[in-house]
Amino acid sequence: VEHRADDTVTGGPLAPLTHPATRTLLDAERV
């Protein structure tokens, strides 16, 4: 789920949706 990096109003509520293991895989694939 994407949002602008500088948008803390949206980013704050979305933060709990970040699953650390999934984020790791996302980082590898995007690179």
All heavy atoms as atom14 arrays in JSON, in Angstrom:
{
  "sequence": "VEHRADDTVTGGPLAPLTHPATRTLLDAERV",
  "atom14_mask": [
    [1, 1, 1, 1, 1, 1, 1, 0, 0, 0, 0, 0, 0, 0],
    [1, 1, 1, 1, 1, 1, 1, 1, 1, 0, 0, 0, 0, 0],
    [1, 1, 1, 1, 1, 1, 1, 1, 1, 1, 0, 0, 0, 0],
    [1, 1, 1, 1, 1, 1, 1, 1, 1, 1, 1, 0, 0, 0],
    [1, 1, 1, 1, 1, 0, 0, 0, 0, 0, 0, 0, 0, 0],
    [1, 1, 1, 1, 1, 1, 1, 1, 0, 0, 0, 0, 0, 0],
    [1, 1, 1, 1, 1, 1, 1, 1, 0, 0, 0, 0, 0, 0],
    [1, 1, 1, 1, 1, 1, 1, 0, 0, 0, 0, 0, 0, 0],
    [1, 1, 1, 1, 1, 1, 1, 0, 0, 0, 0, 0, 0, 0],
    [1, 1, 1, 1, 1, 1, 1, 0, 0, 0, 0, 0, 0, 0],
    [1, 1, 1, 1, 0, 0, 0, 0, 0, 0, 0, 0, 0, 0],
    [1, 1, 1, 1, 0, 0, 0, 0, 0, 0, 0, 0, 0, 0],
    [1, 1, 1, 1, 1, 1, 1, 0, 0, 0, 0, 0, 0, 0],
    [1, 1, 1, 1, 1, 1, 1, 1, 0, 0, 0, 0, 0, 0],
    [1, 1, 1, 1, 1, 0, 0, 0, 0, 0, 0, 0, 0, 0],
    [1, 1, 1, 1, 1, 1, 1, 0, 0, 0, 0, 0, 0, 0],
    [1, 1, 1, 1, 1, 1, 1, 1, 0, 0, 0, 0, 0, 0],
    [1, 1, 1, 1, 1, 1, 1, 0, 0, 0, 0, 0, 0, 0],
    [1, 1, 1, 1, 1, 1, 1, 1, 1, 1, 0, 0, 0, 0],
    [1, 1, 1, 1, 1, 1, 1, 0, 0, 0, 0, 0, 0, 0],
    [1, 1, 1, 1, 1, 0, 0, 0, 0, 0, 0, 0, 0, 0],
    [1, 1, 1, 1, 1, 1, 1, 0, 0, 0, 0, 0, 0, 0],
    [1, 1, 1, 1, 1, 1, 1, 1, 1, 1, 1, 0, 0, 0],
    [1, 1, 1, 1, 1, 1, 1, 0, 0, 0, 0, 0, 0, 0],
    [1, 1, 1, 1, 1, 1, 1, 1, 0, 0, 0, 0, 0, 0],
    [1, 1, 1, 1, 1, 1, 1, 1, 0, 0, 0, 0, 0, 0],
    [1, 1, 1, 1, 1, 1, 1, 1, 0, 0, 0, 0, 0, 0],
    [1, 1, 1, 1, 1, 0, 0, 0, 0, 0, 0, 0, 0, 0],
    [1, 1, 1, 1, 1, 1, 1, 1, 1, 0, 0, 0, 0, 0],
    [1, 1, 1, 1, 1, 1, 1, 1, 1, 1, 1, 0, 0, 0],
    [1, 1, 1, 1, 1, 1, 1, 0, 0, 0, 0, 0, 0, 0]
  ],
  "atom14_positions": [
    [[0.89, -1.15, 0.0], [0.0, 0.0, 0.0], [0.93, 1.2, 0.0], [1.78, 1.34, 0.87], [-0.91, 0.03, 1.25], [-1.75, 1.3, 1.27], [-1.78, -1.2, 1.32], [0.0, 0.0, 0.0], [0.0, 0.0, 0.0], [0.0, 0.0, 0.0], [0.0, 0.0, 0.0], [0.0, 0.0, 0.0], [0.0, 0.0, 0.0], [0.0, 0.0, 0.0]],
    [[0.8, 2.06, -1.0], [1.73, 3.18, -1.13], [1.08, 4.5, -0.74], [-0.13, 4.67, -0.85], [2.23, 3.27, -2.58], [3.09, 2.1, -2.98], [3.67, 2.27, -4.36], [2.91, 2.11, -5.32], [4.87, 2.59, -4.44], [0.0, 0.0, 0.0], [0.0, 0.0, 0.0], [0.0, 0.0, 0.0], [0.0, 0.0, 0.0], [0.0, 0.0, 0.0]],
    [[1.94, 5.4, -0.31], [1.56, 6.78, -0.03], [2.8, 7.64, -0.18], [3.92, 7.13, -0.22], [0.95, 6.92, 1.38], [1.93, 6.6, 2.47], [2.77, 7.54, 3.0], [2.2, 5.44, 3.11], [3.53, 6.99, 3.93], [3.2, 5.71, 4.01], [0.0, 0.0, 0.0], [0.0, 0.0, 0.0], [0.0, 0.0, 0.0], [0.0, 0.0, 0.0]],
    [[2.6, 8.95, -0.29], [3.74, 9.85, -0.39], [4.57, 9.78, 0.89], [4.02, 9.75, 1.99], [3.27, 11.29, -0.63], [2.71, 11.53, -2.01], [2.43, 13.01, -2.26], [2.14, 13.81, -1.08], [0.92, 14.07, -0.61], [-0.13, 13.57, -1.22], [0.75, 14.82, 0.46], [0.0, 0.0, 0.0], [0.0, 0.0, 0.0], [0.0, 0.0, 0.0]],
    [[5.88, 9.77, 0.75], [6.77, 9.67, 1.91], [6.58, 10.83, 2.89], [6.73, 10.64, 4.1], [8.23, 9.61, 1.45], [0.0, 0.0, 0.0], [0.0, 0.0, 0.0], [0.0, 0.0, 0.0], [0.0, 0.0, 0.0], [0.0, 0.0, 0.0], [0.0, 0.0, 0.0], [0.0, 0.0, 0.0], [0.0, 0.0, 0.0], [0.0, 0.0, 0.0]],
    [[6.21, 11.99, 2.39], [6.05, 13.16, 3.27], [4.63, 13.3, 3.84], [4.33, 14.24, 4.55], [6.45, 14.44, 2.52], [5.55, 14.74, 1.33], [4.78, 13.84, 0.91], [5.63, 15.86, 0.81], [0.0, 0.0, 0.0], [0.0, 0.0, 0.0], [0.0, 0.0, 0.0], [0.0, 0.0, 0.0], [0.0, 0.0, 0.0], [0.0, 0.0, 0.0]],
    [[3.75, 12.35, 3.56], [2.36, 12.41, 4.01], [2.2, 11.62, 5.3], [1.81, 10.46, 5.3], [1.44, 11.88, 2.92], [-0.03, 11.97, 3.28], [-0.37, 12.37, 4.42], [-0.86, 11.63, 2.42], [0.0, 0.0, 0.0], [0.0, 0.0, 0.0], [0.0, 0.0, 0.0], [0.0, 0.0, 0.0], [0.0, 0.0, 0.0], [0.0, 0.0, 0.0]],
    [[2.47, 12.26, 6.43], [2.37, 11.58, 7.73], [0.92, 11.36, 8.15], [0.64, 10.43, 8.91], [3.1, 12.38, 8.82], [2.56, 13.7, 8.86], [4.6, 12.44, 8.52], [0.0, 0.0, 0.0], [0.0, 0.0, 0.0], [0.0, 0.0, 0.0], [0.0, 0.0, 0.0], [0.0, 0.0, 0.0], [0.0, 0.0, 0.0], [0.0, 0.0, 0.0]],
    [[0.0, 12.16, 7.63], [-1.41, 11.97, 7.95], [-1.89, 10.62, 7.43], [-2.6, 9.88, 8.1], [-2.27, 13.13, 7.37], [-3.75, 12.85, 7.54], [-1.89, 14.44, 8.04], [0.0, 0.0, 0.0], [0.0, 0.0, 0.0], [0.0, 0.0, 0.0], [0.0, 0.0, 0.0], [0.0, 0.0, 0.0], [0.0, 0.0, 0.0], [0.0, 0.0, 0.0]],
    [[-1.47, 10.27, 6.24], [-1.83, 8.97, 5.66], [-0.89, 7.88, 6.16], [-1.32, 6.76, 6.48], [-1.78, 9.03, 4.12], [-2.65, 10.06, 3.68], [-2.19, 7.71, 3.5], [0.0, 0.0, 0.0], [0.0, 0.0, 0.0], [0.0, 0.0, 0.0], [0.0, 0.0, 0.0], [0.0, 0.0, 0.0], [0.0, 0.0, 0.0], [0.0, 0.0, 0.0]],
    [[0.4, 8.18, 6.22], [1.4, 7.19, 6.61], [1.23, 6.64, 8.0], [1.44, 5.46, 8.25], [0.0, 0.0, 0.0], [0.0, 0.0, 0.0], [0.0, 0.0, 0.0], [0.0, 0.0, 0.0], [0.0, 0.0, 0.0], [0.0, 0.0, 0.0], [0.0, 0.0, 0.0], [0.0, 0.0, 0.0], [0.0, 0.0, 0.0], [0.0, 0.0, 0.0]],
    [[0.83, 7.5, 8.93], [0.66, 7.06, 10.32], [-0.33, 5.91, 10.45], [-0.01, 4.85, 11.0], [0.0, 0.0, 0.0], [0.0, 0.0, 0.0], [0.0, 0.0, 0.0], [0.0, 0.0, 0.0], [0.0, 0.0, 0.0], [0.0, 0.0, 0.0], [0.0, 0.0, 0.0], [0.0, 0.0, 0.0], [0.0, 0.0, 0.0], [0.0, 0.0, 0.0]],
    [[-1.56, 6.08, 9.97], [-2.53, 4.98, 10.07], [-2.16, 3.73, 9.26], [-2.56, 2.63, 9.59], [-3.83, 5.59, 9.52], [-3.66, 7.06, 9.64], [-2.19, 7.31, 9.49], [0.0, 0.0, 0.0], [0.0, 0.0, 0.0], [0.0, 0.0, 0.0], [0.0, 0.0, 0.0], [0.0, 0.0, 0.0], [0.0, 0.0, 0.0], [0.0, 0.0, 0.0]],
    [[-1.38, 3.92, 8.18], [-0.99, 2.77, 7.37], [0.19, 1.99, 7.97], [0.39, 0.82, 7.62], [-0.62, 3.22, 5.95], [-1.76, 3.74, 5.08], [-1.23, 4.23, 3.75], [-2.83, 2.67, 4.9], [0.0, 0.0, 0.0], [0.0, 0.0, 0.0], [0.0, 0.0, 0.0], [0.0, 0.0, 0.0], [0.0, 0.0, 0.0], [0.0, 0.0, 0.0]],
    [[0.96, 2.61, 8.84], [2.17, 1.97, 9.39], [1.91, 0.58, 9.98], [2.7, -0.34, 9.75], [2.83, 2.89, 10.41], [0.0, 0.0, 0.0], [0.0, 0.0, 0.0], [0.0, 0.0, 0.0], [0.0, 0.0, 0.0], [0.0, 0.0, 0.0], [0.0, 0.0, 0.0], [0.0, 0.0, 0.0], [0.0, 0.0, 0.0], [0.0, 0.0, 0.0]],
    [[0.82, 0.37, 10.74], [0.6, -0.97, 11.3], [0.36, -2.05, 10.25], [0.45, -3.24, 10.54], [-0.63, -0.8, 12.19], [-0.74, 0.65, 12.45], [-0.14, 1.34, 11.26], [0.0, 0.0, 0.0], [0.0, 0.0, 0.0], [0.0, 0.0, 0.0], [0.0, 0.0, 0.0], [0.0, 0.0, 0.0], [0.0, 0.0, 0.0], [0.0, 0.0, 0.0]],
    [[0.04, -1.64, 9.02], [-0.19, -2.61, 7.96], [1.11, -3.18, 7.39], [1.1, -4.15, 6.65], [-1.0, -1.98, 6.82], [-2.39, -1.49, 7.18], [-3.04, -0.82, 5.98], [-3.25, -2.63, 7.7], [0.0, 0.0, 0.0], [0.0, 0.0, 0.0], [0.0, 0.0, 0.0], [0.0, 0.0, 0.0], [0.0, 0.0, 0.0], [0.0, 0.0, 0.0]],
    [[2.23, -2.55, 7.72], [3.52, -3.01, 7.2], [3.93, -4.29, 7.93], [4.1, -4.3, 9.14], [4.6, -1.93, 7.39], [4.21, -0.78, 6.65], [5.95, -2.42, 6.9], [0.0, 0.0, 0.0], [0.0, 0.0, 0.0], [0.0, 0.0, 0.0], [0.0, 0.0, 0.0], [0.0, 0.0, 0.0], [0.0, 0.0, 0.0], [0.0, 0.0, 0.0]],
    [[4.08, -5.35, 7.19], [4.52, -6.64, 7.71], [6.02, -6.73, 7.44], [6.43, -6.7, 6.26], [3.75, -7.75, 7.0], [4.11, -9.11, 7.44], [4.89, -9.95, 6.68], [3.79, -9.79, 8.58], [5.03, -11.1, 7.32], [4.39, -11.01, 8.47], [0.0, 0.0, 0.0], [0.0, 0.0, 0.0], [0.0, 0.0, 0.0], [0.0, 0.0, 0.0]],
    [[6.86, -6.79, 8.46], [8.31, -6.71, 8.26], [8.87, -7.73, 7.26], [9.7, -7.37, 6.42], [8.88, -6.93, 9.66], [7.8, -6.47, 10.58], [6.51, -6.84, 9.89], [0.0, 0.0, 0.0], [0.0, 0.0, 0.0], [0.0, 0.0, 0.0], [0.0, 0.0, 0.0], [0.0, 0.0, 0.0], [0.0, 0.0, 0.0], [0.0, 0.0, 0.0]],
    [[8.44, -8.96, 7.32], [8.97, -9.97, 6.39], [8.55, -9.65, 4.95], [9.36, -9.78, 4.03], [8.49, -11.36, 6.79], [0.0, 0.0, 0.0], [0.0, 0.0, 0.0], [0.0, 0.0, 0.0], [0.0, 0.0, 0.0], [0.0, 0.0, 0.0], [0.0, 0.0, 0.0], [0.0, 0.0, 0.0], [0.0, 0.0, 0.0], [0.0, 0.0, 0.0]],
    [[7.32, -9.21, 4.78], [6.85, -8.85, 3.44], [7.61, -7.64, 2.93], [7.97, -7.57, 1.75], [5.33, -8.59, 3.45], [4.68, -9.76, 3.94], [4.82, -8.25, 2.08], [0.0, 0.0, 0.0], [0.0, 0.0, 0.0], [0.0, 0.0, 0.0], [0.0, 0.0, 0.0], [0.0, 0.0, 0.0], [0.0, 0.0, 0.0], [0.0, 0.0, 0.0]],
    [[7.89, -6.69, 3.8], [8.66, -5.51, 3.41], [10.06, -5.9, 2.94], [10.59, -5.34, 1.98], [8.75, -4.52, 4.58], [9.51, -3.25, 4.27], [8.81, -2.54, 3.13], [9.7, -1.62, 2.48], [9.34, -0.44, 2.03], [8.09, -0.03, 2.17], [10.19, 0.33, 1.42], [0.0, 0.0, 0.0], [0.0, 0.0, 0.0], [0.0, 0.0, 0.0]],
    [[10.66, -6.88, 3.6], [11.98, -7.38, 3.2], [11.92, -7.92, 1.77], [12.79, -7.62, 0.95], [12.45, -8.48, 4.17], [12.6, -7.9, 5.47], [13.75, -9.11, 3.74], [0.0, 0.0, 0.0], [0.0, 0.0, 0.0], [0.0, 0.0, 0.0], [0.0, 0.0, 0.0], [0.0, 0.0, 0.0], [0.0, 0.0, 0.0], [0.0, 0.0, 0.0]],
    [[10.9, -8.7, 1.47], [10.75, -9.27, 0.13], [10.48, -8.18, -0.9], [11.03, -8.21, -2.01], [9.63, -10.31, 0.12], [9.83, -11.48, 1.09], [8.61, -12.39, 1.07], [11.09, -12.24, 0.79], [0.0, 0.0, 0.0], [0.0, 0.0, 0.0], [0.0, 0.0, 0.0], [0.0, 0.0, 0.0], [0.0, 0.0, 0.0], [0.0, 0.0, 0.0]],
    [[9.66, -7.21, -0.53], [9.37, -6.08, -1.41], [10.66, -5.33, -1.77], [10.9, -5.02, -2.93], [8.4, -5.13, -0.71], [8.14, -3.79, -1.37], [7.28, -3.97, -2.61], [7.48, -2.85, -0.4], [0.0, 0.0, 0.0], [0.0, 0.0, 0.0], [0.0, 0.0, 0.0], [0.0, 0.0, 0.0], [0.0, 0.0, 0.0], [0.0, 0.0, 0.0]],
    [[11.49, -5.08, -0.77], [12.75, -4.37, -1.02], [13.63, -5.13, -2.01], [14.19, -4.54, -2.93], [13.51, -4.15, 0.28], [12.83, -3.15, 1.2], [11.94, -2.42, 0.76], [13.19, -3.14, 2.41], [0.0, 0.0, 0.0], [0.0, 0.0, 0.0], [0.0, 0.0, 0.0], [0.0, 0.0, 0.0], [0.0, 0.0, 0.0], [0.0, 0.0, 0.0]],
    [[13.74, -6.43, -1.84], [14.57, -7.24, -2.74], [14.05, -7.21, -4.16], [14.81, -7.04, -5.12], [14.64, -8.68, -2.23], [0.0, 0.0, 0.0], [0.0, 0.0, 0.0], [0.0, 0.0, 0.0], [0.0, 0.0, 0.0], [0.0, 0.0, 0.0], [0.0, 0.0, 0.0], [0.0, 0.0, 0.0], [0.0, 0.0, 0.0], [0.0, 0.0, 0.0]],
    [[12.74, -7.36, -4.33], [12.15, -7.38, -5.67], [12.25, -6.02, -6.36], [12.56, -5.94, -7.55], [10.68, -7.81, -5.58], [10.51, -9.26, -5.17], [9.06, -9.68, -5.05], [8.15, -8.93, -5.51], [8.8, -10.77, -4.5], [0.0, 0.0, 0.0], [0.0, 0.0, 0.0], [0.0, 0.0, 0.0], [0.0, 0.0, 0.0], [0.0, 0.0, 0.0]],
    [[12.0, -4.97, -5.63], [12.06, -3.63, -6.24], [13.46, -3.26, -6.69], [13.62, -2.58, -7.7], [11.54, -2.58, -5.25], [10.05, -2.57, -5.18], [9.57, -1.37, -4.43], [8.16, -1.18, -4.64], [7.47, -0.23, -4.07], [8.05, 0.61, -3.25], [6.19, -0.12, -4.3], [0.0, 0.0, 0.0], [0.0, 0.0, 0.0], [0.0, 0.0, 0.0]],
    [[14.47, -3.7, -5.96], [15.84, -3.39, -6.35], [16.18, -4.05, -7.68], [16.89, -3.48, -8.5], [16.84, -3.78, -5.25], [18.27, -3.74, -5.75], [16.69, -2.84, -4.06], [0.0, 0.0, 0.0], [0.0, 0.0, 0.0], [0.0, 0.0, 0.0], [0.0, 0.0, 0.0], [0.0, 0.0, 0.0], [0.0, 0.0, 0.0], [0.0, 0.0, 0.0]]
  ]
}
